[in-house]
C-alpha atoms as a PDB file:
ATOM      1  CA  MET A   1     160.658  54.774 126.332  1.00  0.00           C
ATOM      2  CA  ILE A   2     162.024  51.604 126.205  1.00  0.00           C
ATOM      3  CA  GLN A   3     158.379  50.184 124.572  1.00  0.00           C
ATOM      4  CA  TYR A   4     158.180  53.167 122.349  1.00  0.00           C
ATOM      5  CA  TRP A   5     161.383  52.247 120.808  1.00  0.00           C
ATOM      6  CA  VAL A   6     160.968  48.298 120.799  1.00  0.00           C
ATOM      7  CA  TRP A   7     157.933  49.146 119.103  1.00  0.00           C
ATOM      8  CA  CYS A   8     159.708  51.331 116.285  1.00  0.00           C
ATOM      9  CA  VAL A   9     161.973  48.439 115.826  1.00  0.00           C
ATOM     10  CA  CYS A  10     159.885  45.736 114.735  1.00  0.00           C
ATOM     11  CA  SER A  11     157.737  47.862 112.673  1.00  0.00           C
ATOM     12  CA  LEU A  12     160.709  48.660 110.481  1.00  0.00           C
ATOM     13  CA  VAL A  13     161.296  44.888 110.762  1.00  0.00           C
ATOM     14  CA  TRP A  14     157.782  43.273 110.284  1.00  0.00           C
ATOM     15  CA  ARG A  15     156.767  45.511 107.770  1.00  0.00           C
ATOM     16  CA  VAL A  16     159.429  44.561 105.466  1.00  0.00           C
ATOM     17  CA  LEU A  17     159.912  40.716 106.361  1.00  0.00           C
ATOM     18  CA  PRO A  18     157.300  38.355 104.319  1.00  0.00           C
ATOM     19  CA  LEU A  19     154.519  37.336 106.338  1.00  0.00           C
ATOM     20  CA  LYS A  20     155.391  33.836 106.647  1.00  0.00           C
ATOM     21  CA  ILE A  21     159.299  35.271 107.810  1.00  0.00           C
ATOM     22  CA  GLY A  22     157.761  37.380 110.509  1.00  0.00           C
ATOM     23  CA  TYR A  23     154.965  34.674 112.251  1.00  0.00           C
ATOM     24  CA  ALA A  24     157.966  31.981 112.523  1.00  0.00           C
ATOM     25  CA  SER A  25     160.307  34.746 114.108  1.00  0.00           C
ATOM     26  CA  ALA A  26     157.235  35.971 116.302  1.00  0.00           C
ATOM     27  CA  THR A  27     157.231  32.364 117.699  1.00  0.00           C
ATOM     28  CA  TRP A  28     160.594  32.234 118.089  1.00  0.00           C
ATOM     29  CA  LEU A  29     160.628  35.267 120.311  1.00  0.00           C
ATOM     30  CA  ALA A  30     157.552  33.414 122.013  1.00  0.00           C
ATOM     31  CA  ASP A  31     159.722  30.578 123.262  1.00  0.00           C
ATOM     32  CA  ILE A  32     162.328  32.988 124.698  1.00  0.00           C
ATOM     33  CA  ALA A  33     159.933  35.030 126.083  1.00  0.00           C
ATOM     34  CA  TYR A  34     157.947  32.091 127.846  1.00  0.00           C
ATOM     35  CA  LEU A  35     161.021  30.798 129.159  1.00  0.00           C
ATOM     36  CA  ALA A  36     162.360  34.378 130.736  1.00  0.00           C
ATOM     37  CA  TRP A  37     158.966  35.380 132.305  1.00  0.00           C
ATOM     38  CA  PRO A  38     158.357  33.019 134.667  1.00  0.00           C
ATOM     39  CA  ARG A  39     155.316  35.370 136.333  1.00  0.00           C
ATOM     40  CA  GLY A  40     153.840  35.378 132.981  1.00  0.00           C
ATOM     41  CA  ARG A  41     154.210  31.787 132.606  1.00  0.00           C
ATOM     42  CA  ALA A  42     152.971  31.092 135.744  1.00  0.00           C
ATOM     43  CA  TYR A  43     149.654  32.541 134.966  1.00  0.00           C
ATOM     44  CA  ALA A  44     149.389  32.083 131.792  1.00  0.00           C
ATOM     45  CA  ARG A  45     149.325  28.031 133.062  1.00  0.00           C
ATOM     46  CA  ARG A  46     147.375  28.568 135.747  1.00  0.00           C
ATOM     47  CA  ASN A  47     144.196  30.126 133.815  1.00  0.00           C
ATOM     48  CA  MET A  48     144.605  27.617 131.065  1.00  0.00           C
ATOM     49  CA  ALA A  49     144.461  24.858 133.472  1.00  0.00           C
ATOM     50  CA  VAL A  50     140.942  26.470 134.667  1.00  0.00           C
ATOM     51  CA  ILE A  51     139.779  26.769 131.294  1.00  0.00           C
ATOM     52  CA  LEU A  52     140.354  23.282 130.107  1.00  0.00           C
ATOM     53  CA  GLY A  53     139.453  21.664 133.352  1.00  0.00           C
ATOM     54  CA  PRO A  54     140.791  18.682 135.929  1.00  0.00           C
ATOM     55  CA  THR A  55     141.801  16.404 133.109  1.00  0.00           C
ATOM     56  CA  ALA A  56     143.903  17.891 131.646  1.00  0.00           C
ATOM     57  CA  ASP A  57     147.352  16.878 132.442  1.00  0.00           C
ATOM     58  CA  ALA A  58     150.773  19.433 133.154  1.00  0.00           C
ATOM     59  CA  ARG A  59     151.950  18.796 130.111  1.00  0.00           C
ATOM     60  CA  THR A  60     148.938  19.667 127.521  1.00  0.00           C
ATOM     61  CA  VAL A  61     148.288  22.679 129.857  1.00  0.00           C
ATOM     62  CA  ASP A  62     151.945  23.860 129.145  1.00  0.00           C
ATOM     63  CA  ARG A  63     152.155  23.100 125.319  1.00  0.00           C
ATOM     64  CA  MET A  64     148.719  25.092 125.296  1.00  0.00           C
ATOM     65  CA  ALA A  65     149.896  28.038 127.296  1.00  0.00           C
ATOM     66  CA  ARG A  66     153.355  28.499 125.235  1.00  0.00           C
ATOM     67  CA  GLN A  67     151.251  28.278 121.974  1.00  0.00           C
ATOM     68  CA  CYS A  68     148.723  30.872 123.457  1.00  0.00           C
ATOM     69  CA  LEU A  69     152.196  33.261 123.982  1.00  0.00           C
ATOM     70  CA  ARG A  70     153.070  32.562 120.387  1.00  0.00           C
ATOM     71  CA  ASN A  71     149.266  33.005 119.185  1.00  0.00           C
ATOM     72  CA  TYR A  72     149.623  36.715 120.773  1.00  0.00           C
ATOM     73  CA  CYS A  73     153.230  37.902 119.135  1.00  0.00           C
ATOM     74  CA  LYS A  74     151.681  36.674 115.802  1.00  0.00           C
ATOM     75  CA  TYR A  75     148.930  39.095 116.914  1.00  0.00           C
ATOM     76  CA  LEU A  76     151.114  41.799 117.153  1.00  0.00           C
ATOM     77  CA  VAL A  77     153.051  40.860 113.801  1.00  0.00           C
ATOM     78  CA  ASP A  78     149.258  41.891 112.591  1.00  0.00           C
ATOM     79  CA  PHE A  79     148.875  44.481 114.163  1.00  0.00           C
ATOM     80  CA  ILE A  80     152.505  46.221 113.535  1.00  0.00           C
ATOM     81  CA  ARG A  81     151.556  45.567 109.587  1.00  0.00           C
ATOM     82  CA  PHE A  82     148.127  46.964 109.998  1.00  0.00           C
ATOM     83  CA  PRO A  83     148.637  50.616 108.920  1.00  0.00           C
ATOM     84  CA  ILE A  84     150.066  48.940 105.660  1.00  0.00           C
ATOM     85  CA  MET A  85     147.086  46.512 104.770  1.00  0.00           C
ATOM     86  CA  LYS A  86     144.676  47.011 102.159  1.00  0.00           C
ATOM     87  CA  PRO A  87     141.132  47.153 102.755  1.00  0.00           C
ATOM     88  CA  GLU A  88     140.971  43.861 100.076  1.00  0.00           C
ATOM     89  CA  GLU A  89     143.503  42.152 102.375  1.00  0.00           C
ATOM     90  CA  ILE A  90     141.638  42.631 105.119  1.00  0.00           C
ATOM     91  CA  ASP A  91     138.303  41.479 103.402  1.00  0.00           C
ATOM     92  CA  GLN A  92     140.392  38.236 102.188  1.00  0.00           C
ATOM     93  CA  LYS A  93     141.324  37.150 105.676  1.00  0.00           C
ATOM     94  CA  VAL A  94     138.137  37.576 107.904  1.00  0.00           C
ATOM     95  CA  ARG A  95     135.353  35.175 107.192  1.00  0.00           C
ATOM     96  CA  PHE A  96     132.570  36.312 108.746  1.00  0.00           C
ATOM     97  CA  ASP A  97     128.648  35.202 107.119  1.00  0.00           C
ATOM     98  CA  GLY A  98     126.924  36.607 110.387  1.00  0.00           C
ATOM     99  CA  TRP A  99     126.649  40.498 109.119  1.00  0.00           C
ATOM    100  CA  GLU A 100     122.690  40.251 109.670  1.00  0.00           C
ATOM    101  CA  ASN A 101     123.147  40.359 113.251  1.00  0.00           C
ATOM    102  CA  VAL A 102     124.834  43.648 113.352  1.00  0.00           C
ATOM    103  CA  ASP A 103     121.740  44.925 111.569  1.00  0.00           C
ATOM    104  CA  LYS A 104     119.065  43.582 113.760  1.00  0.00           C
ATOM    105  CA  ALA A 105     121.012  45.009 116.902  1.00  0.00           C
ATOM    106  CA  LEU A 106     121.289  48.145 115.468  1.00  0.00           C
ATOM    107  CA  ASP A 107     117.409  48.269 114.415  1.00  0.00           C
ATOM    108  CA  GLY A 108     116.330  49.178 118.305  1.00  0.00           C
ATOM    109  CA  GLY A 109     118.036  52.632 116.962  1.00  0.00           C
ATOM    110  CA  LYS A 110     119.338  52.597 120.337  1.00  0.00           C
ATOM    111  CA  GLY A 111     123.341  52.061 119.229  1.00  0.00           C
ATOM    112  CA  ALA A 112     125.049  48.357 119.943  1.00  0.00           C
ATOM    113  CA  ILE A 113     127.285  47.459 122.299  1.00  0.00           C
ATOM    114  CA  PHE A 114     130.322  44.616 121.043  1.00  0.00           C
ATOM    115  CA  ILE A 115     131.650  42.861 124.183  1.00  0.00           C
ATOM    116  CA  GLY A 116     134.789  40.573 123.663  1.00  0.00           C
ATOM    117  CA  MET A 117     138.121  40.009 125.127  1.00  0.00           C
ATOM    118  CA  HIS A 118     141.400  39.880 124.135  1.00  0.00           C
ATOM    119  CA  PHE A 119     141.321  36.884 121.951  1.00  0.00           C
ATOM    120  CA  GLY A 120     142.413  35.959 118.335  1.00  0.00           C
ATOM    121  CA  ASN A 121     142.550  39.611 116.415  1.00  0.00           C
ATOM    122  CA  TRP A 122     140.106  42.022 117.424  1.00  0.00           C
ATOM    123  CA  ASP A 123     141.454  44.759 115.543  1.00  0.00           C
ATOM    124  CA  LEU A 124     141.260  42.895 112.295  1.00  0.00           C
ATOM    125  CA  ALA A 125     137.355  42.384 112.988  1.00  0.00           C
ATOM    126  CA  ALA A 126     137.071  45.601 114.091  1.00  0.00           C
ATOM    127  CA  ALA A 127     138.607  46.558 110.897  1.00  0.00           C
ATOM    128  CA  ALA A 128     136.434  44.152 108.981  1.00  0.00           C
ATOM    129  CA  MET A 129     133.183  45.805 109.944  1.00  0.00           C
ATOM    130  CA  THR A 130     134.273  49.841 109.279  1.00  0.00           C
ATOM    131  CA  LEU A 131     135.094  48.548 105.197  1.00  0.00           C
ATOM    132  CA  ARG A 132     131.420  47.402 105.508  1.00  0.00           C
ATOM    133  CA  ASN A 133     130.340  51.288 106.743  1.00  0.00           C
ATOM    134  CA  TYR A 134     129.214  50.161 110.143  1.00  0.00           C
ATOM    135  CA  PRO A 135     130.170  53.087 112.679  1.00  0.00           C
ATOM    136  CA  LEU A 136     132.483  51.518 114.838  1.00  0.00           C
ATOM    137  CA  ASN A 137     133.662  53.239 117.807  1.00  0.00           C
ATOM    138  CA  ALA A 138     136.263  51.208 120.432  1.00  0.00           C
ATOM    139  CA  ILE A 139     137.102  51.711 124.291  1.00  0.00           C
ATOM    140  CA  ALA A 140     140.667  52.326 124.320  1.00  0.00           C
ATOM    141  CA  GLU A 141     143.215  51.795 127.209  1.00  0.00           C
ATOM    142  CA  SER A 142     145.948  54.522 126.388  1.00  0.00           C
ATOM    143  CA  PHE A 143     149.616  53.678 126.472  1.00  0.00           C
ATOM    144  CA  GLU A 144     152.535  54.862 128.039  1.00  0.00           C
ATOM    145  CA  PRO A 145     154.972  57.151 126.549  1.00  0.00           C
ATOM    146  CA  PRO A 146     151.915  59.295 124.902  1.00  0.00           C
ATOM    147  CA  ARG A 147     154.474  58.893 121.685  1.00  0.00           C
ATOM    148  CA  LEU A 148     153.536  55.013 122.136  1.00  0.00           C
ATOM    149  CA  ASN A 149     149.663  55.336 122.636  1.00  0.00           C
ATOM    150  CA  TYR A 150     150.203  57.666 119.385  1.00  0.00           C
ATOM    151  CA  LEU A 151     151.345  54.935 117.023  1.00  0.00           C
ATOM    152  CA  VAL A 152     149.301  52.368 118.233  1.00  0.00           C
ATOM    153  CA  GLN A 153     145.665  54.352 118.141  1.00  0.00           C
ATOM    154  CA  LYS A 154     146.975  55.862 114.711  1.00  0.00           C
ATOM    155  CA  SER A 155     147.073  52.409 113.391  1.00  0.00           C
ATOM    156  CA  ARG A 156     143.505  51.876 114.302  1.00  0.00           C
ATOM    157  CA  VAL A 157     142.247  55.206 113.632  1.00  0.00           C
ATOM    158  CA  GLU A 158     143.463  54.976 109.831  1.00  0.00           C
ATOM    159  CA  LYS A 159     141.142  51.722 109.820  1.00  0.00           C
ATOM    160  CA  GLY A 160     137.797  53.538 110.254  1.00  0.00           C
ATOM    161  CA  LEU A 161     137.836  53.264 113.811  1.00  0.00           C
ATOM    162  CA  LYS A 162     136.974  55.936 116.381  1.00  0.00           C
ATOM    163  CA  ILE A 163     138.981  55.863 119.585  1.00  0.00           C
ATOM    164  CA  ILE A 164     137.512  56.569 122.697  1.00  0.00           C
ATOM    165  CA  PRO A 165     139.863  57.250 125.337  1.00  0.00           C
ATOM    166  CA  MET A 166     139.242  54.869 128.489  1.00  0.00           C
ATOM    167  CA  GLU A 167     139.635  57.613 131.115  1.00  0.00           C
ATOM    168  CA  SER A 168     137.319  60.497 129.796  1.00  0.00           C
ATOM    169  CA  SER A 169     134.567  57.575 127.904  1.00  0.00           C
ATOM    170  CA  THR A 170     131.606  58.913 129.666  1.00  0.00           C
ATOM    171  CA  ARG A 171     130.138  61.618 127.089  1.00  0.00           C
ATOM    172  CA  ALA A 172     131.339  60.073 123.774  1.00  0.00           C
ATOM    173  CA  VAL A 173     129.892  57.202 125.125  1.00  0.00           C
ATOM    174  CA  LEU A 174     126.577  58.432 125.098  1.00  0.00           C
ATOM    175  CA  LYS A 175     126.970  60.307 122.182  1.00  0.00           C
ATOM    176  CA  ALA A 176     127.770  57.378 119.907  1.00  0.00           C
ATOM    177  CA  LEU A 177     125.215  55.404 120.867  1.00  0.00           C
ATOM    178  CA  ARG A 178     122.378  57.942 120.425  1.00  0.00           C
ATOM    179  CA  ARG A 179     123.910  58.529 116.850  1.00  0.00           C
ATOM    180  CA  ASN A 180     122.997  54.293 116.673  1.00  0.00           C
ATOM    181  CA  GLU A 181     126.448  53.656 116.477  1.00  0.00           C
ATOM    182  CA  MET A 182     128.464  50.655 117.723  1.00  0.00           C
ATOM    183  CA  LEU A 183     130.456  50.453 121.019  1.00  0.00           C
ATOM    184  CA  ALA A 184     133.636  48.048 121.034  1.00  0.00           C
ATOM    185  CA  LEU A 185     135.348  47.199 123.945  1.00  0.00           C
ATOM    186  CA  LEU A 186     137.068  44.201 126.275  1.00  0.00           C
ATOM    187  CA  ILE A 187     135.724  42.863 129.090  1.00  0.00           C
ATOM    188  CA  ASP A 188     138.737  40.984 130.894  1.00  0.00           C
ATOM    189  CA  ARG A 189     140.473  43.981 132.437  1.00  0.00           C
ATOM    190  CA  PRO A 190     140.570  42.104 136.328  1.00  0.00           C
ATOM    191  CA  SER A 191     138.438  44.594 138.211  1.00  0.00           C
ATOM    192  CA  GLY A 192     137.984  45.872 141.775  1.00  0.00           C
ATOM    193  CA  GLU A 193     135.487  45.719 144.130  1.00  0.00           C
ATOM    194  CA  ASP A 194     133.414  48.108 141.667  1.00  0.00           C
ATOM    195  CA  GLY A 195     133.399  44.662 138.886  1.00  0.00           C
ATOM    196  CA  ILE A 196     130.941  41.893 138.761  1.00  0.00           C
ATOM    197  CA  THR A 197     132.060  38.121 139.614  1.00  0.00           C
ATOM    198  CA  ALA A 198     130.988  35.421 136.865  1.00  0.00           C
ATOM    199  CA  LYS A 199     131.184  31.981 136.366  1.00  0.00           C
ATOM    200  CA  PHE A 200     133.956  31.563 133.615  1.00  0.00           C
ATOM    201  CA  PHE A 201     134.716  27.902 132.879  1.00  0.00           C
ATOM    202  CA  ASN A 202     135.764  26.050 135.993  1.00  0.00           C
ATOM    203  CA  GLY A 203     136.310  29.295 137.924  1.00  0.00           C
ATOM    204  CA  SER A 204     135.212  32.946 138.699  1.00  0.00           C
ATOM    205  CA  ILE A 205     136.576  36.112 136.895  1.00  0.00           C
ATOM    206  CA  ARG A 206     135.633  39.773 138.088  1.00  0.00           C
ATOM    207  CA  VAL A 207     135.394  42.025 135.434  1.00  0.00           C
ATOM    208  CA  PRO A 208     133.886  45.887 135.097  1.00  0.00           C
ATOM    209  CA  ALA A 209     130.141  46.370 135.814  1.00  0.00           C
ATOM    210  CA  GLY A 210     130.172  49.156 132.871  1.00  0.00           C
ATOM    211  CA  ALA A 211     129.427  47.458 129.551  1.00  0.00           C
ATOM    212  CA  ALA A 212     125.654  45.492 131.728  1.00  0.00           C
ATOM    213  CA  THR A 213     125.229  48.584 133.603  1.00  0.00           C
ATOM    214  CA  LEU A 214     125.490  50.726 130.223  1.00  0.00           C
ATOM    215  CA  ALA A 215     123.097  48.387 128.140  1.00  0.00           C
ATOM    216  CA  LEU A 216     120.345  48.842 130.732  1.00  0.00           C
ATOM    217  CA  ARG A 217     120.471  52.269 131.133  1.00  0.00           C
ATOM    218  CA  THR A 218     120.763  53.088 127.779  1.00  0.00           C
ATOM    219  CA  GLY A 219     118.795  50.274 126.129  1.00  0.00           C
ATOM    220  CA  ALA A 220     121.583  49.678 123.559  1.00  0.00           C
ATOM    221  CA  ALA A 221     121.625  46.091 122.065  1.00  0.00           C
ATOM    222  CA  VAL A 222     124.593  43.778 123.457  1.00  0.00           C
ATOM    223  CA  LEU A 223     126.740  41.458 121.219  1.00  0.00           C
ATOM    224  CA  THR A 224     129.742  39.173 121.943  1.00  0.00           C
ATOM    225  CA  GLY A 225     132.237  38.030 119.703  1.00  0.00           C
ATOM    226  CA  GLY A 226     135.677  38.178 118.564  1.00  0.00           C
ATOM    227  CA  ALA A 227     137.780  37.101 115.389  1.00  0.00           C
ATOM    228  CA  ALA A 228     139.955  33.594 116.089  1.00  0.00           C
ATOM    229  CA  ARG A 229     142.948  33.002 113.711  1.00  0.00           C
ATOM    230  CA  LEU A 230     142.802  29.727 111.572  1.00  0.00           C
ATOM    231  CA  SER A 231     145.556  27.368 110.238  1.00  0.00           C
ATOM    232  CA  ASP A 232     145.363  28.806 107.106  1.00  0.00           C
ATOM    233  CA  GLY A 233     145.987  32.462 108.016  1.00  0.00           C
ATOM    234  CA  THR A 234     142.691  33.919 107.820  1.00  0.00           C
ATOM    235  CA  PHE A 235     140.380  34.649 110.718  1.00  0.00           C
ATOM    236  CA  LYS A 236     137.113  33.144 111.435  1.00  0.00           C
ATOM    237  CA  VAL A 237     134.422  35.861 112.999  1.00  0.00           C
ATOM    238  CA  PHE A 238     132.285  35.055 116.196  1.00  0.00           C
ATOM    239  CA  LEU A 239     129.249  37.497 116.386  1.00  0.00           C
ATOM    240  CA  ASP A 240     126.282  36.047 117.883  1.00  0.00           C
ATOM    241  CA  GLU A 241     122.802  37.766 118.023  1.00  0.00           C
ATOM    242  CA  HIS A 242     122.349  40.123 120.259  1.00  0.00           C
ATOM    243  CA  ILE A 243     121.198  38.806 123.672  1.00  0.00           C
ATOM    244  CA  ASP A 244     117.806  39.154 124.240  1.00  0.00           C
ATOM    245  CA  PHE A 245     117.205  40.566 128.046  1.00  0.00           C
ATOM    246  CA  GLN A 246     114.365  41.521 129.922  1.00  0.00           C
ATOM    247  CA  PRO A 247     115.311  43.883 133.022  1.00  0.00           C
ATOM    248  CA  SER A 248     113.674  43.586 136.128  1.00  0.00           C
ATOM    249  CA  GLY A 249     113.716  47.235 137.259  1.00  0.00           C
ATOM    250  CA  ASP A 250     116.337  45.855 139.877  1.00  0.00           C
ATOM    251  CA  MET A 251     119.558  47.663 138.436  1.00  0.00           C
ATOM    252  CA  GLN A 252     121.824  45.628 140.981  1.00  0.00           C
ATOM    253  CA  ARG A 253     120.375  42.389 139.831  1.00  0.00           C
ATOM    254  CA  ASP A 254     120.171  42.700 136.689  1.00  0.00           C
ATOM    255  CA  ALA A 255     123.465  43.628 135.700  1.00  0.00           C
ATOM    256  CA  ARG A 256     124.858  40.889 137.745  1.00  0.00           C
ATOM    257  CA  GLU A 257     122.684  38.744 135.568  1.00  0.00           C
ATOM    258  CA  LEU A 258     123.466  40.222 132.242  1.00  0.00           C
ATOM    259  CA  THR A 259     127.026  40.772 132.768  1.00  0.00           C
ATOM    260  CA  GLN A 260     126.830  36.396 133.377  1.00  0.00           C
ATOM    261  CA  ARG A 261     125.366  35.945 130.163  1.00  0.00           C
ATOM    262  CA  ILE A 262     127.925  38.182 128.498  1.00  0.00           C
ATOM    263  CA  VAL A 263     130.767  36.094 130.175  1.00  0.00           C
ATOM    264  CA  SER A 264     128.510  32.785 129.110  1.00  0.00           C
ATOM    265  CA  SER A 265     128.632  33.727 125.381  1.00  0.00           C
ATOM    266  CA  ILE A 266     132.008  34.697 125.152  1.00  0.00           C
ATOM    267  CA  GLU A 267     133.173  31.740 127.129  1.00  0.00           C
ATOM    268  CA  ASN A 268     131.476  29.379 123.991  1.00  0.00           C
ATOM    269  CA  MET A 269     134.090  31.006 121.868  1.00  0.00           C
ATOM    270  CA  VAL A 270     137.129  30.781 123.872  1.00  0.00           C
ATOM    271  CA  ARG A 271     135.826  27.129 124.396  1.00  0.00           C
ATOM    272  CA  GLN A 272     136.744  25.983 120.436  1.00  0.00           C
ATOM    273  CA  TYR A 273     139.944  28.315 120.394  1.00  0.00           C
ATOM    274  CA  PRO A 274     141.318  28.196 123.943  1.00  0.00           C
ATOM    275  CA  ASP A 275     144.955  29.109 123.193  1.00  0.00           C
ATOM    276  CA  GLN A 276     143.674  32.322 121.610  1.00  0.00           C
ATOM    277  CA  TRP A 277     142.855  34.063 124.776  1.00  0.00           C
ATOM    278  CA  TYR A 278     145.724  36.107 125.847  1.00  0.00           C
ATOM    279  CA  MET A 279     145.752  36.338 129.596  1.00  0.00           C
ATOM    280  CA  PHE A 280     148.834  36.579 130.896  1.00  0.00           C
ATOM    281  CA  ARG A 281     147.914  37.696 134.550  1.00  0.00           C
ATOM    282  CA  HIS A 282     145.741  36.738 137.545  1.00  0.00           C
ATOM    283  CA  ILE A 283     142.099  37.246 136.587  1.00  0.00           C
ATOM    284  CA  PHE A 284     140.430  34.007 138.214  1.00  0.00           C
ATOM    285  CA  VAL A 285     139.128  35.397 141.771  1.00  0.00           C
ATOM    286  CA  ASN A 286     138.907  31.821 143.316  1.00  0.00           C
ATOM    287  CA  GLU A 287     143.043  30.714 142.840  1.00  0.00           C
ATOM    288  CA  PRO A 288     145.828  32.591 144.581  1.00  0.00           C
ATOM    289  CA  CYS A 289     147.917  35.223 143.251  1.00  0.00           C
END
């Protein structure tokens, strides 16, 4: 309930304030949180150190980790303002000239799976797709309490997204792909024994096997991407051509290889904007918890 009321208060404030002031206040709150959240700060630094590699000194790692939290808080400002954003505002904010990649992915008639990470502003990228009448279904984690989940998902539904709760997704996912629609999901949720380990920058991460397995079983095309915040307040959308993968017939091996292809593709995007990958928890499996 605390999260719910914090969300309500922030909604009242950040929807009224001019956007520049909203971003400034978000940066200020991020700096406070960075100092007051030792566990999240430690994870952010550790993850950033793996991304930047051994040549990055401690000062650079700390600066980039702090900026990562600032960018995440700016994302929260954008998301809270999401319901009041008009279609033309979204269209002006999102820069993307690769719509032909979406069309090619859907040409196969078996749907397309759009895979990303908690990077930049994934909601704006999704809204830009629905503005162009691409049918987009998003697998979303439910929030507690239910009232908070309603507020969060309602903002997405109002922008044309079809929300599929993660805990009850199988049937709805298959129906969406059979209708040749797009399915969006984020893959950087640490996974247990049923996950797949993939090389990511200078370490390894364990991600859910579901995305690759679903693509292999349904024949759906697989695309990766995200939307990075630029210095002028607009967003650059990355959306590569769908991954051309020929299955061998060995499901386990194919799932591992396709997952690595997915993670490697996303790595190229994160490398350009490492401070926009929001990961404040343990994710690299070759690092101590």
